[in-house]
C-alpha atoms as a PDB file:
ATOM      1  CA  MET A   1      -5.230   0.950  20.998  1.00  0.00           C
ATOM      2  CA  GLN A   2      -3.898   1.654  17.521  1.00  0.00           C
ATOM      3  CA  LYS A   3      -2.538   5.077  16.711  1.00  0.00           C
ATOM      4  CA  HIS A   4      -4.106   6.688  13.659  1.00  0.00           C
ATOM      5  CA  ILE A   5      -1.817   8.197  11.036  1.00  0.00           C
ATOM      6  CA  PRO A   6      -2.481  11.953  10.637  1.00  0.00           C
ATOM      7  CA  LEU A   7      -3.564  13.048   7.159  1.00  0.00           C
ATOM      8  CA  LYS A   8      -0.616  15.396   6.626  1.00  0.00           C
ATOM      9  CA  GLU A   9       1.952  12.799   7.649  1.00  0.00           C
ATOM     10  CA  GLY A  10       0.321  10.037   5.655  1.00  0.00           C
ATOM     11  CA  ARG A  11       0.343  11.981   2.404  1.00  0.00           C
ATOM     12  CA  ALA A  12       4.123  12.332   2.655  1.00  0.00           C
ATOM     13  CA  LEU A  13       4.792   8.601   2.995  1.00  0.00           C
ATOM     14  CA  PHE A  14       4.069   7.314  -0.486  1.00  0.00           C
ATOM     15  CA  GLY A  15       6.836   9.119  -2.331  1.00  0.00           C
ATOM     16  CA  ARG A  16       9.643   7.648  -0.242  1.00  0.00           C
ATOM     17  CA  ASP A  17      10.056   4.754  -2.689  1.00  0.00           C
ATOM     18  CA  THR A  18       8.416   5.588  -6.006  1.00  0.00           C
ATOM     19  CA  ASN A  19       9.807   2.448  -7.643  1.00  0.00           C
ATOM     20  CA  ALA A  20       8.098   0.169  -5.126  1.00  0.00           C
ATOM     21  CA  TYR A  21       4.879   2.171  -5.444  1.00  0.00           C
ATOM     22  CA  GLU A  22       4.793   2.005  -9.242  1.00  0.00           C
ATOM     23  CA  GLN A  23       5.812  -1.640  -9.467  1.00  0.00           C
ATOM     24  CA  GLY A  24       4.073  -2.969  -6.353  1.00  0.00           C
ATOM     25  CA  ARG A  25       0.615  -1.482  -6.729  1.00  0.00           C
ATOM     26  CA  PRO A  26      -1.547  -3.522  -9.125  1.00  0.00           C
ATOM     27  CA  ASP A  27      -3.780  -1.900 -11.723  1.00  0.00           C
ATOM     28  CA  TYR A  28      -7.479  -1.342 -11.154  1.00  0.00           C
ATOM     29  CA  PRO A  29      -9.993  -3.857 -12.551  1.00  0.00           C
ATOM     30  CA  LEU A  30     -11.207  -2.958 -16.029  1.00  0.00           C
ATOM     31  CA  PRO A  31     -14.904  -2.939 -14.966  1.00  0.00           C
ATOM     32  CA  ILE A  32     -14.103   0.292 -13.065  1.00  0.00           C
ATOM     33  CA  PHE A  33     -13.343   2.081 -16.312  1.00  0.00           C
ATOM     34  CA  ALA A  34     -16.240   0.422 -18.118  1.00  0.00           C
ATOM     35  CA  LEU A  35     -18.508   1.895 -15.451  1.00  0.00           C
ATOM     36  CA  LEU A  36     -16.934   5.330 -15.914  1.00  0.00           C
ATOM     37  CA  LYS A  37     -17.415   5.099 -19.662  1.00  0.00           C
ATOM     38  CA  GLU A  38     -21.036   4.022 -19.271  1.00  0.00           C
ATOM     39  CA  TYR A  39     -22.057   6.973 -17.119  1.00  0.00           C
ATOM     40  CA  CYS A  40     -19.562   9.703 -17.927  1.00  0.00           C
ATOM     41  CA  GLY A  41     -17.568   8.690 -20.977  1.00  0.00           C
ATOM     42  CA  PRO A  42     -15.445  11.254 -22.839  1.00  0.00           C
ATOM     43  CA  GLU A  43     -18.082  11.662 -25.525  1.00  0.00           C
ATOM     44  CA  ILE A  44     -20.059  13.671 -22.945  1.00  0.00           C
ATOM     45  CA  CYS A  45     -17.356  14.461 -20.373  1.00  0.00           C
ATOM     46  CA  ARG A  46     -14.051  15.996 -21.436  1.00  0.00           C
ATOM     47  CA  MET A  47     -12.414  17.873 -18.588  1.00  0.00           C
ATOM     48  CA  ALA A  48     -11.361  15.816 -15.570  1.00  0.00           C
ATOM     49  CA  PHE A  49      -9.394  16.342 -12.381  1.00  0.00           C
ATOM     50  CA  GLU A  50      -7.765  13.620 -10.327  1.00  0.00           C
ATOM     51  CA  ILE A  51      -6.995  13.720  -6.608  1.00  0.00           C
ATOM     52  CA  GLY A  52      -3.755  12.000  -5.599  1.00  0.00           C
ATOM     53  CA  PRO A  53      -2.806  10.198  -8.815  1.00  0.00           C
ATOM     54  CA  GLY A  54       0.385   8.729  -7.334  1.00  0.00           C
ATOM     55  CA  THR A  55       2.314   7.120 -10.188  1.00  0.00           C
ATOM     56  CA  GLY A  56      -0.624   7.284 -12.595  1.00  0.00           C
ATOM     57  CA  GLN A  57      -2.344   3.894 -12.502  1.00  0.00           C
ATOM     58  CA  ALA A  58      -5.729   5.544 -13.080  1.00  0.00           C
ATOM     59  CA  THR A  59      -4.422   8.610 -14.935  1.00  0.00           C
ATOM     60  CA  GLU A  60      -3.259   6.557 -17.894  1.00  0.00           C
ATOM     61  CA  HIS A  61      -6.702   5.008 -18.261  1.00  0.00           C
ATOM     62  CA  LEU A  62      -8.353   8.441 -18.256  1.00  0.00           C
ATOM     63  CA  LEU A  63      -5.983   9.733 -20.921  1.00  0.00           C
ATOM     64  CA  ASP A  64      -6.464   6.604 -23.034  1.00  0.00           C
ATOM     65  CA  MET A  65     -10.226   7.157 -22.792  1.00  0.00           C
ATOM     66  CA  GLY A  66      -9.856  10.685 -24.178  1.00  0.00           C
ATOM     67  CA  TYR A  67     -10.149  12.889 -21.118  1.00  0.00           C
ATOM     68  CA  GLN A  68      -8.106  16.027 -20.524  1.00  0.00           C
ATOM     69  CA  VAL A  69      -6.754  15.611 -17.002  1.00  0.00           C
ATOM     70  CA  LYS A  70      -5.526  17.950 -14.287  1.00  0.00           C
ATOM     71  CA  ALA A  71      -3.727  15.661 -11.840  1.00  0.00           C
ATOM     72  CA  VAL A  72      -3.317  17.064  -8.319  1.00  0.00           C
ATOM     73  CA  GLU A  73      -0.467  15.249  -6.551  1.00  0.00           C
ATOM     74  CA  PRO A  74       0.832  16.557  -3.187  1.00  0.00           C
ATOM     75  CA  ASP A  75       4.052  14.518  -3.088  1.00  0.00           C
ATOM     76  CA  HIS A  76       6.961  16.017  -5.031  1.00  0.00           C
ATOM     77  CA  ASN A  77       8.650  12.674  -5.783  1.00  0.00           C
ATOM     78  CA  LEU A  78       5.423  11.101  -7.011  1.00  0.00           C
ATOM     79  CA  ALA A  79       4.715  14.153  -9.162  1.00  0.00           C
ATOM     80  CA  ILE A  80       8.110  13.701 -10.841  1.00  0.00           C
ATOM     81  CA  ARG A  81       7.499   9.993 -11.431  1.00  0.00           C
ATOM     82  CA  LEU A  82       4.014  10.742 -12.759  1.00  0.00           C
ATOM     83  CA  LYS A  83       5.452  13.204 -15.289  1.00  0.00           C
ATOM     84  CA  GLU A  84       7.913  10.552 -16.453  1.00  0.00           C
ATOM     85  CA  ARG A  85       5.173   7.951 -16.823  1.00  0.00           C
ATOM     86  CA  LEU A  86       2.912  10.278 -18.803  1.00  0.00           C
ATOM     87  CA  SER A  87       5.658  11.528 -21.142  1.00  0.00           C
ATOM     88  CA  GLN A  88       4.233   9.409 -23.979  1.00  0.00           C
ATOM     89  CA  TYR A  89       1.037  11.490 -23.989  1.00  0.00           C
ATOM     90  CA  SER A  90       0.512  14.889 -25.574  1.00  0.00           C
ATOM     91  CA  GLN A  91       1.340  17.679 -23.146  1.00  0.00           C
ATOM     92  CA  ASP A  92      -1.946  19.308 -24.135  1.00  0.00           C
ATOM     93  CA  SER A  93      -3.895  16.370 -22.683  1.00  0.00           C
ATOM     94  CA  TYR A  94      -2.783  16.699 -19.063  1.00  0.00           C
ATOM     95  CA  SER A  95      -1.158  18.904 -16.458  1.00  0.00           C
ATOM     96  CA  ILE A  96       0.301  17.984 -13.084  1.00  0.00           C
ATOM     97  CA  ILE A  97      -0.306  20.250 -10.107  1.00  0.00           C
ATOM     98  CA  ASN A  98       2.132  19.543  -7.266  1.00  0.00           C
ATOM     99  CA  SER A  99      -0.133  20.589  -4.406  1.00  0.00           C
ATOM    100  CA  THR A 100      -2.526  19.272  -1.843  1.00  0.00           C
ATOM    101  CA  PHE A 101      -6.059  19.109  -3.182  1.00  0.00           C
ATOM    102  CA  GLU A 102      -7.185  21.569  -0.525  1.00  0.00           C
ATOM    103  CA  GLU A 103      -4.669  24.187  -1.695  1.00  0.00           C
ATOM    104  CA  ALA A 104      -4.837  23.495  -5.435  1.00  0.00           C
ATOM    105  CA  ILE A 105      -6.238  26.345  -7.525  1.00  0.00           C
ATOM    106  CA  LEU A 106      -8.775  24.903  -9.961  1.00  0.00           C
ATOM    107  CA  GLN A 107     -11.545  26.716 -11.794  1.00  0.00           C
ATOM    108  CA  PRO A 108     -14.974  26.049 -10.248  1.00  0.00           C
ATOM    109  CA  GLY A 109     -17.786  24.754 -12.402  1.00  0.00           C
ATOM    110  CA  CYS A 110     -15.681  23.714 -15.392  1.00  0.00           C
ATOM    111  CA  PHE A 111     -15.016  20.002 -14.838  1.00  0.00           C
ATOM    112  CA  ASP A 112     -17.111  17.176 -16.241  1.00  0.00           C
ATOM    113  CA  LEU A 113     -15.493  14.514 -14.083  1.00  0.00           C
ATOM    114  CA  GLY A 114     -13.498  14.267 -10.882  1.00  0.00           C
ATOM    115  CA  ILE A 115     -11.883  11.087  -9.591  1.00  0.00           C
ATOM    116  CA  ALA A 116     -10.042   9.869  -6.516  1.00  0.00           C
ATOM    117  CA  ALA A 117      -8.477   6.416  -6.922  1.00  0.00           C
ATOM    118  CA  THR A 118      -7.394   4.917  -3.577  1.00  0.00           C
ATOM    119  CA  SER A 119      -6.797   8.434  -2.279  1.00  0.00           C
ATOM    120  CA  PHE A 120      -9.955  10.031  -0.899  1.00  0.00           C
ATOM    121  CA  HIS A 121      -9.443   8.658   2.630  1.00  0.00           C
ATOM    122  CA  TRP A 122      -6.523  11.120   2.859  1.00  0.00           C
ATOM    123  CA  ILE A 123      -8.946  14.035   2.363  1.00  0.00           C
ATOM    124  CA  GLU A 124     -11.215  15.469   5.063  1.00  0.00           C
ATOM    125  CA  PRO A 125     -14.533  14.259   3.614  1.00  0.00           C
ATOM    126  CA  VAL A 126     -16.880  17.192   4.329  1.00  0.00           C
ATOM    127  CA  SER A 127     -14.634  20.007   3.046  1.00  0.00           C
ATOM    128  CA  GLY A 128     -13.213  17.755   0.335  1.00  0.00           C
ATOM    129  CA  LEU A 129     -16.592  16.861  -1.130  1.00  0.00           C
ATOM    130  CA  LYS A 130     -17.697  20.484  -0.872  1.00  0.00           C
ATOM    131  CA  LYS A 131     -14.756  21.557  -3.048  1.00  0.00           C
ATOM    132  CA  ILE A 132     -15.321  18.689  -5.484  1.00  0.00           C
ATOM    133  CA  PHE A 133     -18.991  19.672  -5.817  1.00  0.00           C
ATOM    134  CA  GLN A 134     -17.982  23.263  -6.559  1.00  0.00           C
ATOM    135  CA  LEU A 135     -15.438  22.242  -9.212  1.00  0.00           C
ATOM    136  CA  LEU A 136     -17.926  20.174 -11.227  1.00  0.00           C
ATOM    137  CA  ARG A 137     -20.264  21.654 -13.790  1.00  0.00           C
ATOM    138  CA  PRO A 138     -23.994  20.931 -13.330  1.00  0.00           C
ATOM    139  CA  GLY A 139     -24.461  17.345 -14.462  1.00  0.00           C
ATOM    140  CA  GLY A 140     -20.798  16.507 -13.819  1.00  0.00           C
ATOM    141  CA  TRP A 141     -19.728  13.292 -12.114  1.00  0.00           C
ATOM    142  CA  PHE A 142     -17.464  12.380  -9.229  1.00  0.00           C
ATOM    143  CA  ALA A 143     -16.026   8.866  -8.906  1.00  0.00           C
ATOM    144  CA  MET A 144     -14.030   7.553  -5.987  1.00  0.00           C
ATOM    145  CA  TRP A 145     -12.758   4.025  -5.750  1.00  0.00           C
ATOM    146  CA  TRP A 146     -10.249   1.908  -3.861  1.00  0.00           C
ATOM    147  CA  ASN A 147      -8.333  -1.309  -4.207  1.00  0.00           C
ATOM    148  CA  VAL A 148      -8.647  -3.062  -0.843  1.00  0.00           C
ATOM    149  CA  PHE A 149      -5.640  -5.359  -0.555  1.00  0.00           C
ATOM    150  CA  GLY A 150      -7.260  -8.140   1.425  1.00  0.00           C
ATOM    151  CA  ASP A 151     -10.957  -8.935   1.117  1.00  0.00           C
ATOM    152  CA  PRO A 152     -12.344  -8.872   4.678  1.00  0.00           C
ATOM    153  CA  HIS A 153     -15.312 -11.005   3.579  1.00  0.00           C
ATOM    154  CA  ASN A 154     -13.084 -13.635   1.976  1.00  0.00           C
ATOM    155  CA  ALA A 155      -9.707 -13.557   3.686  1.00  0.00           C
ATOM    156  CA  ASP A 156      -7.058 -15.541   1.826  1.00  0.00           C
ATOM    157  CA  VAL A 157      -4.656 -17.910   3.567  1.00  0.00           C
ATOM    158  CA  PHE A 158      -1.730 -15.470   3.341  1.00  0.00           C
ATOM    159  CA  MET A 159      -3.802 -12.715   4.959  1.00  0.00           C
ATOM    160  CA  LYS A 160      -4.684 -15.015   7.869  1.00  0.00           C
ATOM    161  CA  ARG A 161      -1.106 -16.223   8.178  1.00  0.00           C
ATOM    162  CA  THR A 162       0.377 -12.706   8.426  1.00  0.00           C
ATOM    163  CA  GLU A 163      -2.310 -10.628  10.151  1.00  0.00           C
ATOM    164  CA  HIS A 164      -0.407 -10.771  13.454  1.00  0.00           C
ATOM    165  CA  LEU A 165       2.454  -8.851  11.811  1.00  0.00           C
ATOM    166  CA  PHE A 166       0.202  -5.879  11.068  1.00  0.00           C
ATOM    167  CA  ALA A 167      -1.802  -5.859  14.320  1.00  0.00           C
ATOM    168  CA  PRO A 168       0.708  -3.681  16.270  1.00  0.00           C
ATOM    169  CA  LEU A 169       1.071  -1.089  13.496  1.00  0.00           C
ATOM    170  CA  SER A 170      -0.610   2.303  13.237  1.00  0.00           C
ATOM    171  CA  ALA A 171      -3.939   2.541  11.435  1.00  0.00           C
ATOM    172  CA  SER A 172      -4.349   4.271   8.089  1.00  0.00           C
ATOM    173  CA  PRO A 173      -7.484   6.420   7.656  1.00  0.00           C
ATOM    174  CA  SER A 174      -8.623   3.649   5.303  1.00  0.00           C
ATOM    175  CA  HIS A 175      -8.765   1.247   8.255  1.00  0.00           C
ATOM    176  CA  LYS A 176      -9.756   3.369  11.245  1.00  0.00           C
ATOM    177  CA  ALA A 177     -12.553   0.925  12.040  1.00  0.00           C
ATOM    178  CA  GLY A 178     -10.230  -2.071  11.702  1.00  0.00           C
ATOM    179  CA  HIS A 179      -9.285  -4.383   8.873  1.00  0.00           C
ATOM    180  CA  HIS A 180     -12.658  -6.100   8.971  1.00  0.00           C
ATOM    181  CA  TYR A 181     -14.529  -2.884   8.098  1.00  0.00           C
ATOM    182  CA  PRO A 182     -12.342  -0.691   5.875  1.00  0.00           C
ATOM    183  CA  TYR A 183     -13.393   2.801   4.853  1.00  0.00           C
ATOM    184  CA  PRO A 184     -14.037   1.900   1.180  1.00  0.00           C
ATOM    185  CA  LEU A 185     -16.487  -0.862   2.142  1.00  0.00           C
ATOM    186  CA  GLN A 186     -18.518   1.316   4.518  1.00  0.00           C
ATOM    187  CA  LYS A 187     -21.180   1.666   1.843  1.00  0.00           C
ATOM    188  CA  ARG A 188     -23.853   3.497   3.820  1.00  0.00           C
ATOM    189  CA  GLU A 189     -21.365   6.025   5.239  1.00  0.00           C
ATOM    190  CA  ARG A 190     -19.801   6.785   1.858  1.00  0.00           C
ATOM    191  CA  GLN A 191     -23.205   7.175   0.216  1.00  0.00           C
ATOM    192  CA  ASP A 192     -24.373   9.447   3.050  1.00  0.00           C
ATOM    193  CA  ASP A 193     -21.242  11.621   2.675  1.00  0.00           C
ATOM    194  CA  LEU A 194     -21.984  12.105  -1.019  1.00  0.00           C
ATOM    195  CA  ALA A 195     -25.672  12.816  -0.445  1.00  0.00           C
ATOM    196  CA  LYS A 196     -24.944  15.395   2.285  1.00  0.00           C
ATOM    197  CA  ALA A 197     -22.577  17.186  -0.116  1.00  0.00           C
ATOM    198  CA  GLY A 198     -25.451  17.575  -2.588  1.00  0.00           C
ATOM    199  CA  PHE A 199     -24.723  14.726  -4.988  1.00  0.00           C
ATOM    200  CA  THR A 200     -27.540  12.667  -6.500  1.00  0.00           C
ATOM    201  CA  GLY A 201     -27.860   9.494  -8.570  1.00  0.00           C
ATOM    202  CA  ILE A 202     -25.363   7.713  -6.326  1.00  0.00           C
ATOM    203  CA  ILE A 203     -24.148   4.381  -7.674  1.00  0.00           C
ATOM    204  CA  SER A 204     -21.908   1.940  -5.828  1.00  0.00           C
ATOM    205  CA  ASP A 205     -20.437  -1.407  -6.764  1.00  0.00           C
ATOM    206  CA  GLU A 206     -17.799  -3.884  -5.645  1.00  0.00           C
ATOM    207  CA  PHE A 207     -15.564  -6.064  -7.793  1.00  0.00           C
ATOM    208  CA  ARG A 208     -13.837  -9.071  -6.228  1.00  0.00           C
ATOM    209  CA  TRP A 209     -10.732 -10.449  -7.888  1.00  0.00           C
ATOM    210  CA  GLU A 210      -7.670 -12.589  -7.301  1.00  0.00           C
ATOM    211  CA  ALA A 211      -3.999 -11.927  -7.906  1.00  0.00           C
ATOM    212  CA  GLU A 212      -1.038 -14.300  -7.842  1.00  0.00           C
ATOM    213  CA  MET A 213       2.052 -12.628  -6.440  1.00  0.00           C
ATOM    214  CA  ASP A 214       5.609 -13.782  -5.878  1.00  0.00           C
ATOM    215  CA  ALA A 215       7.717 -12.846  -2.844  1.00  0.00           C
ATOM    216  CA  ARG A 216       9.153  -9.705  -4.442  1.00  0.00           C
ATOM    217  CA  GLN A 217       5.777  -8.392  -5.608  1.00  0.00           C
ATOM    218  CA  THR A 218       4.236  -9.092  -2.206  1.00  0.00           C
ATOM    219  CA  ARG A 219       7.091  -7.284  -0.463  1.00  0.00           C
ATOM    220  CA  GLN A 220       6.821  -4.281  -2.791  1.00  0.00           C
ATOM    221  CA  LEU A 221       3.073  -3.940  -2.346  1.00  0.00           C
ATOM    222  CA  ILE A 222       3.198  -4.187   1.431  1.00  0.00           C
ATOM    223  CA  SER A 223       6.084  -1.712   1.563  1.00  0.00           C
ATOM    224  CA  THR A 224       3.702   0.917   0.111  1.00  0.00           C
ATOM    225  CA  PHE A 225       1.145   0.583   2.917  1.00  0.00           C
ATOM    226  CA  SER A 226       1.270   3.714   5.047  1.00  0.00           C
ATOM    227  CA  PRO A 227       1.528   1.877   8.430  1.00  0.00           C
ATOM    228  CA  VAL A 228       4.578   0.047   7.047  1.00  0.00           C
ATOM    229  CA  ALA A 229       6.120   3.031   5.263  1.00  0.00           C
ATOM    230  CA  ARG A 230       6.131   5.099   8.469  1.00  0.00           C
ATOM    231  CA  LEU A 231       8.151   2.521  10.433  1.00  0.00           C
ATOM    232  CA  SER A 232      11.820   3.136  11.137  1.00  0.00           C
ATOM    233  CA  GLU A 233      14.108   1.701   8.480  1.00  0.00           C
ATOM    234  CA  ALA A 234      15.168  -1.179  10.722  1.00  0.00           C
ATOM    235  CA  LYS A 235      11.622  -2.156  11.723  1.00  0.00           C
ATOM    236  CA  ARG A 236      10.351  -1.830   8.172  1.00  0.00           C
ATOM    237  CA  LYS A 237      13.135  -4.029   6.854  1.00  0.00           C
ATOM    238  CA  ARG A 238      12.496  -6.692   9.509  1.00  0.00           C
ATOM    239  CA  LEU A 239       8.795  -6.813   8.700  1.00  0.00           C
ATOM    240  CA  LEU A 240       9.328  -6.957   4.939  1.00  0.00           C
ATOM    241  CA  ASN A 241      12.009  -9.630   5.317  1.00  0.00           C
ATOM    242  CA  GLU A 242       9.552 -11.705   7.332  1.00  0.00           C
ATOM    243  CA  ILE A 243       6.838 -11.200   4.700  1.00  0.00           C
ATOM    244  CA  GLU A 244       9.229 -12.384   1.991  1.00  0.00           C
ATOM    245  CA  ARG A 245      10.313 -15.351   4.118  1.00  0.00           C
ATOM    246  CA  VAL A 246       6.714 -16.444   4.683  1.00  0.00           C
ATOM    247  CA  VAL A 247       5.911 -16.304   0.968  1.00  0.00           C
ATOM    248  CA  LYS A 248       8.971 -18.379   0.088  1.00  0.00           C
ATOM    249  CA  LYS A 249       8.941 -20.859   2.960  1.00  0.00           C
ATOM    250  CA  ASP A 250       5.233 -21.360   3.688  1.00  0.00           C
ATOM    251  CA  PHE A 251       3.755 -20.788   0.227  1.00  0.00           C
ATOM    252  CA  GLY A 252       6.432 -22.075  -2.127  1.00  0.00           C
ATOM    253  CA  GLY A 253       7.277 -18.621  -3.469  1.00  0.00           C
ATOM    254  CA  LYS A 254       3.816 -17.538  -4.638  1.00  0.00           C
ATOM    255  CA  VAL A 255       0.595 -16.492  -2.926  1.00  0.00           C
ATOM    256  CA  ARG A 256      -2.922 -16.075  -4.240  1.00  0.00           C
ATOM    257  CA  ARG A 257      -4.505 -12.938  -2.828  1.00  0.00           C
ATOM    258  CA  ASN A 258      -8.189 -12.038  -2.586  1.00  0.00           C
ATOM    259  CA  PHE A 259      -8.737  -8.342  -3.301  1.00  0.00           C
ATOM    260  CA  VAL A 260     -11.831  -6.183  -3.660  1.00  0.00           C
ATOM    261  CA  THR A 261     -12.317  -2.879  -5.472  1.00  0.00           C
ATOM    262  CA  ALA A 262     -15.152  -0.610  -4.325  1.00  0.00           C
ATOM    263  CA  ILE A 263     -16.397   2.297  -6.430  1.00  0.00           C
ATOM    264  CA  TYR A 264     -18.855   5.165  -5.806  1.00  0.00           C
ATOM    265  CA  LEU A 265     -20.216   7.337  -8.613  1.00  0.00           C
ATOM    266  CA  ALA A 266     -22.316  10.420  -7.964  1.00  0.00           C
ATOM    267  CA  ARG A 267     -23.644  13.304 -10.031  1.00  0.00           C
ATOM    268  CA  LYS A 268     -23.958  17.011  -9.387  1.00  0.00           C
ATOM    269  CA  PRO A 269     -27.560  18.019 -10.203  1.00  0.00           C
END
């Protein structure tokens, strides 16, 4: 039986190698931000908060769209990297709060938009959604979405070839029910969570896409997965070396990956 990674421990894993995280994690599909703009664009929504921005893949999009963003990042190293990445933007347009979301002090009822991009599974859902609901103004929106790195409904050849390498590892909260039923794709459960918290007008969608990755990119991405990041240095290196070897030897140096991005949008009445 797989061991589940505790929330507190898991949150501390992603800042161990900020270079790999920034370079290895691909951007989110543009339809995600088109959907945000359609329902809660900056012409009607100005103030936003973000839960767990990491190195700012989603934060940059929000700032480019015209939002003012309070980014709540619990990891100190990621918060530093985020500040470096956002240095091109006006300091009036964002602030970085180095804190867990649960402990962050934010003014209730003053936000038009809240987002969690590939991060909400590290938050206890009932208390987390309660706080999110309180932070939003009436009519404000919450959006949570995830990149799922391996489409369980359309597994690519590389995923099938390497799944045995991941089987013995601990389970992230995003995959408590197994890799065939990840947390982001549990549509009914995620919609029910939002409805129980008081949200209405719930919208959900999935975007399937492909990415071609070389051995280095594949290694970097997989190194950021929490079950891999928590391994001892020796075990982590062995696994990543094997991943790189498979890409080079069995796939000629490049793999085509099938990914899926799931998004949920919900409004506070």
